[in-house]
Amino acid sequence: MLRVTPSCSIPLDELEWRTSRSGGPGGQHANTSDTRVEVVFSIADSPTLGPRQRARLLERLGPVVRATAADTRSQARNRELALERLRARLAEGLRLERPRRPTAPSEAARRRRLEAKRRRSARKRERRPPSPDAE
């Protein structure tokens, strides 16, 4: 089972695995093993997801989610990395945005802001050269 959130787990048999040769330099016969791993999860076809979870994921991620890994030379380690990236993507897609509650600044915060503006203004005023009519 792939544990996405406490309320969402996906059986590993719903995931589709693909392997291919990792790209990059290396010579004529280098890296002949298929170490690049891609894991594909079909949100639209998954019987495990609830209706609200499916709707949220379809809206945010689309009908199919993919994650790839070609970071290491080991296919097993790349499988772990791809699975973790898929889990993170799904978790982010399921995350609920908390509604923002607008607040007003307190009286003390307003006073501090204005006092800081006065100090900054005075500092800049002191930096100016003396005006010729002030003599």
N, C-alpha and C. Protein backbone atom coordinates (compact mmCIF):
# COMPACT_ATOMS: atom_id res chain seq x y z
N MET A 1 0.83 -1.19 0.00
CA MET A 1 0.00 0.00 0.00
C MET A 1 0.88 1.26 0.00
N LEU A 2 0.47 2.22 -0.79
CA LEU A 2 1.11 3.53 -0.81
C LEU A 2 0.27 4.45 0.05
N ARG A 3 0.81 4.85 1.21
CA ARG A 3 0.08 5.70 2.15
C ARG A 3 0.28 7.15 1.75
N VAL A 4 -0.77 7.77 1.18
CA VAL A 4 -0.67 9.15 0.71
C VAL A 4 -0.96 10.10 1.85
N THR A 5 -2.10 9.93 2.50
CA THR A 5 -2.49 10.71 3.67
C THR A 5 -3.06 9.72 4.68
N PRO A 6 -3.34 10.14 5.90
CA PRO A 6 -3.94 9.20 6.85
C PRO A 6 -5.27 8.60 6.36
N SER A 7 -5.99 9.33 5.51
CA SER A 7 -7.28 8.83 5.05
C SER A 7 -7.23 8.25 3.63
N CYS A 8 -6.06 8.25 2.99
CA CYS A 8 -5.97 7.79 1.61
C CYS A 8 -4.77 6.87 1.43
N SER A 9 -5.05 5.62 1.06
CA SER A 9 -4.01 4.65 0.74
C SER A 9 -4.34 4.02 -0.60
N ILE A 10 -3.31 3.80 -1.40
CA ILE A 10 -3.51 3.25 -2.74
C ILE A 10 -2.77 1.91 -2.83
N PRO A 11 -3.47 0.85 -3.23
CA PRO A 11 -2.79 -0.44 -3.41
C PRO A 11 -1.76 -0.34 -4.54
N LEU A 12 -0.64 -1.03 -4.36
CA LEU A 12 0.44 -0.95 -5.34
C LEU A 12 0.05 -1.56 -6.69
N ASP A 13 -0.97 -2.45 -6.70
CA ASP A 13 -1.36 -3.05 -7.98
C ASP A 13 -2.13 -2.08 -8.87
N GLU A 14 -2.51 -0.90 -8.34
CA GLU A 14 -3.15 0.13 -9.17
C GLU A 14 -2.12 1.01 -9.88
N LEU A 15 -0.85 0.82 -9.54
CA LEU A 15 0.22 1.62 -10.15
C LEU A 15 0.80 0.87 -11.33
N GLU A 16 1.16 1.61 -12.36
CA GLU A 16 1.78 1.03 -13.55
C GLU A 16 3.24 1.45 -13.56
N TRP A 17 4.14 0.48 -13.67
CA TRP A 17 5.58 0.75 -13.64
C TRP A 17 6.16 0.61 -15.03
N ARG A 18 7.04 1.53 -15.40
CA ARG A 18 7.77 1.46 -16.67
C ARG A 18 9.23 1.72 -16.37
N THR A 19 10.10 0.96 -17.02
CA THR A 19 11.53 1.20 -16.88
C THR A 19 12.11 1.45 -18.26
N SER A 20 13.17 2.25 -18.30
CA SER A 20 13.85 2.53 -19.55
C SER A 20 15.29 2.89 -19.23
N ARG A 21 16.08 3.03 -20.27
CA ARG A 21 17.48 3.38 -20.06
C ARG A 21 17.60 4.85 -19.68
N SER A 22 18.41 5.09 -18.72
CA SER A 22 18.63 6.46 -18.25
C SER A 22 19.50 7.19 -19.26
N GLY A 23 19.20 8.46 -19.52
CA GLY A 23 19.95 9.23 -20.49
C GLY A 23 21.25 9.75 -19.93
N GLY A 24 21.97 10.46 -20.76
CA GLY A 24 23.21 11.09 -20.31
C GLY A 24 24.43 10.47 -20.95
N PRO A 25 25.60 11.09 -20.75
CA PRO A 25 26.83 10.59 -21.35
C PRO A 25 27.29 9.30 -20.67
N GLY A 26 28.19 8.58 -21.34
CA GLY A 26 28.70 7.38 -20.68
C GLY A 26 29.41 6.42 -21.59
N GLY A 27 29.46 6.66 -22.86
CA GLY A 27 30.20 5.76 -23.73
C GLY A 27 29.31 4.76 -24.44
N GLN A 28 29.94 3.86 -25.18
CA GLN A 28 29.20 3.00 -26.09
C GLN A 28 28.28 2.00 -25.40
N HIS A 29 28.80 1.27 -24.40
CA HIS A 29 27.98 0.23 -23.78
C HIS A 29 27.64 0.57 -22.33
N ALA A 30 27.69 1.83 -22.00
CA ALA A 30 27.45 2.23 -20.60
C ALA A 30 25.97 2.18 -20.27
N ASN A 31 25.67 1.81 -19.08
CA ASN A 31 24.31 1.84 -18.52
C ASN A 31 23.32 1.08 -19.39
N THR A 32 23.63 -0.19 -19.67
CA THR A 32 22.73 -0.98 -20.51
C THR A 32 21.57 -1.54 -19.71
N SER A 33 21.55 -1.34 -18.40
CA SER A 33 20.39 -1.78 -17.62
C SER A 33 19.36 -0.65 -17.59
N ASP A 34 18.10 -1.03 -17.47
CA ASP A 34 17.01 -0.05 -17.46
C ASP A 34 16.85 0.49 -16.04
N THR A 35 17.54 1.58 -15.75
CA THR A 35 17.50 2.10 -14.39
C THR A 35 16.52 3.26 -14.21
N ARG A 36 16.11 3.91 -15.29
CA ARG A 36 15.13 5.01 -15.16
C ARG A 36 13.77 4.38 -14.90
N VAL A 37 13.06 4.91 -13.90
CA VAL A 37 11.77 4.34 -13.51
C VAL A 37 10.69 5.40 -13.61
N GLU A 38 9.56 5.02 -14.19
CA GLU A 38 8.40 5.89 -14.26
C GLU A 38 7.23 5.14 -13.64
N VAL A 39 6.52 5.79 -12.74
CA VAL A 39 5.33 5.19 -12.13
C VAL A 39 4.13 6.03 -12.54
N VAL A 40 3.07 5.36 -12.97
CA VAL A 40 1.88 6.03 -13.49
C VAL A 40 0.68 5.59 -12.66
N PHE A 41 -0.14 6.56 -12.26
CA PHE A 41 -1.36 6.26 -11.50
C PHE A 41 -2.54 6.92 -12.21
N SER A 42 -3.55 6.12 -12.52
CA SER A 42 -4.74 6.64 -13.19
C SER A 42 -5.77 7.03 -12.14
N ILE A 43 -5.96 8.32 -11.97
CA ILE A 43 -6.92 8.82 -10.99
C ILE A 43 -8.34 8.48 -11.44
N ALA A 44 -8.61 8.63 -12.73
CA ALA A 44 -9.96 8.42 -13.24
C ALA A 44 -10.41 6.97 -13.09
N ASP A 45 -9.48 6.00 -13.18
CA ASP A 45 -9.86 4.58 -13.15
C ASP A 45 -9.69 3.94 -11.78
N SER A 46 -9.28 4.67 -10.78
CA SER A 46 -8.98 4.08 -9.47
C SER A 46 -10.26 3.81 -8.68
N PRO A 47 -10.48 2.55 -8.28
CA PRO A 47 -11.65 2.24 -7.44
C PRO A 47 -11.42 2.58 -5.96
N THR A 48 -10.18 2.84 -5.58
CA THR A 48 -9.84 3.09 -4.19
C THR A 48 -10.24 4.48 -3.72
N LEU A 49 -10.15 5.46 -4.59
CA LEU A 49 -10.42 6.85 -4.20
C LEU A 49 -11.90 7.08 -3.96
N GLY A 50 -12.19 7.92 -2.98
CA GLY A 50 -13.57 8.34 -2.73
C GLY A 50 -13.98 9.40 -3.74
N PRO A 51 -15.27 9.69 -3.83
CA PRO A 51 -15.72 10.66 -4.84
C PRO A 51 -15.14 12.07 -4.65
N ARG A 52 -15.03 12.53 -3.40
CA ARG A 52 -14.47 13.87 -3.18
C ARG A 52 -12.98 13.90 -3.47
N GLN A 53 -12.27 12.83 -3.06
CA GLN A 53 -10.83 12.75 -3.34
C GLN A 53 -10.59 12.72 -4.85
N ARG A 54 -11.37 11.90 -5.56
CA ARG A 54 -11.21 11.79 -7.01
C ARG A 54 -11.47 13.14 -7.68
N ALA A 55 -12.54 13.81 -7.27
CA ALA A 55 -12.88 15.10 -7.87
C ALA A 55 -11.77 16.13 -7.64
N ARG A 56 -11.25 16.16 -6.42
CA ARG A 56 -10.20 17.13 -6.10
C ARG A 56 -8.94 16.83 -6.91
N LEU A 57 -8.54 15.56 -6.99
CA LEU A 57 -7.33 15.20 -7.74
C LEU A 57 -7.50 15.42 -9.24
N LEU A 58 -8.67 15.10 -9.77
CA LEU A 58 -8.91 15.33 -11.20
C LEU A 58 -8.83 16.81 -11.53
N GLU A 59 -9.36 17.63 -10.65
CA GLU A 59 -9.34 19.08 -10.88
C GLU A 59 -7.92 19.63 -10.84
N ARG A 60 -7.13 19.14 -9.88
CA ARG A 60 -5.80 19.70 -9.67
C ARG A 60 -4.70 19.03 -10.50
N LEU A 61 -4.81 17.72 -10.74
CA LEU A 61 -3.71 17.00 -11.38
C LEU A 61 -4.06 16.39 -12.74
N GLY A 62 -5.34 16.28 -13.04
CA GLY A 62 -5.74 15.65 -14.30
C GLY A 62 -6.02 14.17 -14.10
N PRO A 63 -6.36 13.46 -15.19
CA PRO A 63 -6.78 12.06 -15.06
C PRO A 63 -5.64 11.08 -14.77
N VAL A 64 -4.39 11.44 -15.11
CA VAL A 64 -3.26 10.55 -14.90
C VAL A 64 -2.12 11.33 -14.26
N VAL A 65 -1.48 10.70 -13.25
CA VAL A 65 -0.34 11.33 -12.58
C VAL A 65 0.89 10.46 -12.82
N ARG A 66 2.01 11.10 -13.16
CA ARG A 66 3.26 10.38 -13.42
C ARG A 66 4.36 10.93 -12.53
N ALA A 67 5.28 10.04 -12.17
CA ALA A 67 6.48 10.46 -11.46
C ALA A 67 7.63 9.63 -12.00
N THR A 68 8.76 10.26 -12.26
CA THR A 68 9.92 9.55 -12.78
C THR A 68 11.12 9.77 -11.88
N ALA A 69 12.07 8.84 -11.97
CA ALA A 69 13.32 8.97 -11.23
C ALA A 69 14.42 8.30 -12.04
N ALA A 70 15.49 9.03 -12.27
CA ALA A 70 16.68 8.50 -12.93
C ALA A 70 17.91 9.02 -12.20
N ASP A 71 17.76 9.24 -10.90
CA ASP A 71 18.81 9.89 -10.12
C ASP A 71 19.99 8.98 -9.82
N THR A 72 19.72 7.70 -9.58
CA THR A 72 20.78 6.79 -9.17
C THR A 72 21.00 5.71 -10.22
N ARG A 73 22.03 4.92 -10.02
CA ARG A 73 22.31 3.81 -10.94
C ARG A 73 21.51 2.57 -10.58
N SER A 74 20.84 2.59 -9.44
CA SER A 74 20.10 1.43 -8.97
C SER A 74 18.62 1.57 -9.33
N GLN A 75 18.09 0.57 -10.01
CA GLN A 75 16.67 0.60 -10.36
C GLN A 75 15.81 0.54 -9.10
N ALA A 76 16.23 -0.22 -8.11
CA ALA A 76 15.45 -0.34 -6.87
C ALA A 76 15.35 1.01 -6.16
N ARG A 77 16.47 1.73 -6.09
CA ARG A 77 16.45 3.05 -5.43
C ARG A 77 15.62 4.04 -6.24
N ASN A 78 15.70 3.97 -7.58
CA ASN A 78 14.88 4.84 -8.41
C ASN A 78 13.40 4.53 -8.26
N ARG A 79 13.06 3.26 -8.03
CA ARG A 79 11.66 2.89 -7.77
C ARG A 79 11.16 3.58 -6.49
N GLU A 80 11.99 3.55 -5.45
CA GLU A 80 11.63 4.20 -4.18
C GLU A 80 11.45 5.70 -4.38
N LEU A 81 12.37 6.32 -5.11
CA LEU A 81 12.30 7.76 -5.35
C LEU A 81 11.05 8.13 -6.14
N ALA A 82 10.74 7.35 -7.19
CA ALA A 82 9.56 7.63 -8.01
C ALA A 82 8.29 7.48 -7.18
N LEU A 83 8.25 6.45 -6.35
CA LEU A 83 7.07 6.22 -5.50
C LEU A 83 6.89 7.37 -4.51
N GLU A 84 7.99 7.84 -3.94
CA GLU A 84 7.92 8.96 -2.99
C GLU A 84 7.48 10.23 -3.69
N ARG A 85 7.94 10.47 -4.91
CA ARG A 85 7.53 11.66 -5.66
C ARG A 85 6.05 11.59 -6.01
N LEU A 86 5.57 10.40 -6.37
CA LEU A 86 4.14 10.24 -6.66
C LEU A 86 3.32 10.49 -5.39
N ARG A 87 3.77 9.94 -4.26
CA ARG A 87 3.07 10.15 -3.00
C ARG A 87 2.99 11.64 -2.66
N ALA A 88 4.10 12.36 -2.84
CA ALA A 88 4.12 13.79 -2.52
C ALA A 88 3.18 14.57 -3.44
N ARG A 89 3.15 14.21 -4.73
CA ARG A 89 2.25 14.88 -5.67
C ARG A 89 0.79 14.67 -5.31
N LEU A 90 0.45 13.42 -4.98
CA LEU A 90 -0.94 13.12 -4.61
C LEU A 90 -1.32 13.81 -3.30
N ALA A 91 -0.40 13.81 -2.34
CA ALA A 91 -0.68 14.47 -1.05
C ALA A 91 -0.91 15.96 -1.25
N GLU A 92 -0.10 16.58 -2.12
CA GLU A 92 -0.27 18.02 -2.40
C GLU A 92 -1.60 18.27 -3.10
N GLY A 93 -1.99 17.36 -3.99
CA GLY A 93 -3.28 17.50 -4.68
C GLY A 93 -4.47 17.34 -3.76
N LEU A 94 -4.32 16.55 -2.70
CA LEU A 94 -5.42 16.32 -1.76
C LEU A 94 -5.48 17.35 -0.65
N ARG A 95 -4.40 18.14 -0.50
CA ARG A 95 -4.34 19.09 0.61
C ARG A 95 -5.45 20.12 0.50
N LEU A 96 -6.10 20.39 1.62
CA LEU A 96 -7.18 21.38 1.66
C LEU A 96 -6.60 22.75 1.99
N GLU A 97 -7.01 23.75 1.23
CA GLU A 97 -6.60 25.12 1.50
C GLU A 97 -7.49 25.67 2.62
N ARG A 98 -6.86 26.20 3.66
CA ARG A 98 -7.65 26.81 4.72
C ARG A 98 -8.13 28.17 4.24
N PRO A 99 -9.40 28.48 4.47
CA PRO A 99 -9.87 29.80 4.03
C PRO A 99 -9.21 30.91 4.85
N ARG A 100 -8.85 31.99 4.18
CA ARG A 100 -8.18 33.09 4.84
C ARG A 100 -9.22 33.97 5.53
N ARG A 101 -8.93 34.27 6.78
CA ARG A 101 -9.81 35.18 7.51
C ARG A 101 -9.14 36.55 7.54
N PRO A 102 -9.74 37.55 6.90
CA PRO A 102 -9.10 38.87 6.90
C PRO A 102 -9.08 39.47 8.30
N THR A 103 -7.96 40.10 8.63
CA THR A 103 -7.82 40.74 9.94
C THR A 103 -7.39 42.18 9.73
N ALA A 104 -7.63 42.99 10.73
CA ALA A 104 -7.22 44.40 10.68
C ALA A 104 -6.02 44.57 11.60
N PRO A 105 -5.08 45.45 11.27
CA PRO A 105 -3.94 45.67 12.16
C PRO A 105 -4.40 46.30 13.48
N SER A 106 -3.73 45.92 14.56
CA SER A 106 -4.10 46.45 15.87
C SER A 106 -3.64 47.92 15.97
N GLU A 107 -4.16 48.60 16.96
CA GLU A 107 -3.80 50.00 17.19
C GLU A 107 -2.30 50.12 17.48
N ALA A 108 -1.76 49.19 18.27
CA ALA A 108 -0.33 49.22 18.61
C ALA A 108 0.52 49.00 17.35
N ALA A 109 0.10 48.10 16.46
CA ALA A 109 0.84 47.84 15.23
C ALA A 109 0.82 49.08 14.34
N ARG A 110 -0.32 49.75 14.29
CA ARG A 110 -0.43 50.98 13.50
C ARG A 110 0.53 52.05 14.04
N ARG A 111 0.55 52.20 15.38
CA ARG A 111 1.44 53.18 16.01
C ARG A 111 2.91 52.86 15.72
N ARG A 112 3.29 51.57 15.85
CA ARG A 112 4.68 51.17 15.58
C ARG A 112 5.06 51.48 14.14
N ARG A 113 4.17 51.20 13.20
CA ARG A 113 4.45 51.45 11.79
C ARG A 113 4.68 52.94 11.55
N LEU A 114 3.81 53.79 12.10
CA LEU A 114 3.95 55.24 11.89
C LEU A 114 5.20 55.78 12.56
N GLU A 115 5.54 55.24 13.74
CA GLU A 115 6.75 55.69 14.44
C GLU A 115 7.99 55.31 13.64
N ALA A 116 8.00 54.11 13.05
CA ALA A 116 9.13 53.68 12.24
C ALA A 116 9.25 54.57 11.00
N LYS A 117 8.12 54.94 10.42
CA LYS A 117 8.15 55.84 9.25
C LYS A 117 8.73 57.20 9.65
N ARG A 118 8.36 57.71 10.83
CA ARG A 118 8.89 59.00 11.28
C ARG A 118 10.40 58.93 11.48
N ARG A 119 10.86 57.84 12.11
CA ARG A 119 12.31 57.69 12.35
C ARG A 119 13.07 57.60 11.03
N ARG A 120 12.55 56.83 10.09
CA ARG A 120 13.19 56.69 8.78
C ARG A 120 13.23 58.04 8.06
N SER A 121 12.15 58.78 8.13
CA SER A 121 12.07 60.09 7.48
C SER A 121 13.09 61.05 8.12
N ALA A 122 13.18 61.03 9.45
CA ALA A 122 14.13 61.91 10.13
C ALA A 122 15.57 61.55 9.75
N ARG A 123 15.87 60.28 9.67
CA ARG A 123 17.22 59.83 9.32
C ARG A 123 17.57 60.33 7.92
N LYS A 124 16.66 60.21 6.99
CA LYS A 124 16.93 60.66 5.62
C LYS A 124 17.04 62.18 5.55
N ARG A 125 16.21 62.86 6.35
CA ARG A 125 16.27 64.32 6.38
C ARG A 125 17.62 64.79 6.90
N GLU A 126 18.20 64.08 7.89
CA GLU A 126 19.50 64.44 8.46
C GLU A 126 20.63 64.22 7.47
N ARG A 127 20.45 63.32 6.51
CA ARG A 127 21.50 63.04 5.53
C ARG A 127 21.61 64.13 4.46
N ARG A 128 20.56 64.89 4.27
CA ARG A 128 20.55 65.91 3.21
C ARG A 128 21.55 67.02 3.53
N PRO A 129 22.14 67.58 2.49
CA PRO A 129 23.03 68.73 2.75
C PRO A 129 22.18 69.92 3.20
N PRO A 130 22.76 70.82 3.97
CA PRO A 130 21.98 71.97 4.43
C PRO A 130 21.53 72.84 3.25
N SER A 131 20.33 73.34 3.34
CA SER A 131 19.81 74.18 2.24
C SER A 131 20.44 75.57 2.35
N PRO A 132 20.66 76.29 1.23
CA PRO A 132 21.34 77.59 1.25
C PRO A 132 20.53 78.66 1.98
N ASP A 133 19.23 78.60 2.02
CA ASP A 133 18.42 79.63 2.68
C ASP A 133 18.34 79.40 4.19
N ALA A 134 18.89 78.28 4.71
CA ALA A 134 18.85 78.00 6.15
C ALA A 134 19.94 78.72 6.91
N GLU A 135 20.82 79.42 6.23
CA GLU A 135 21.94 80.10 6.90
C GLU A 135 21.59 81.35 7.57
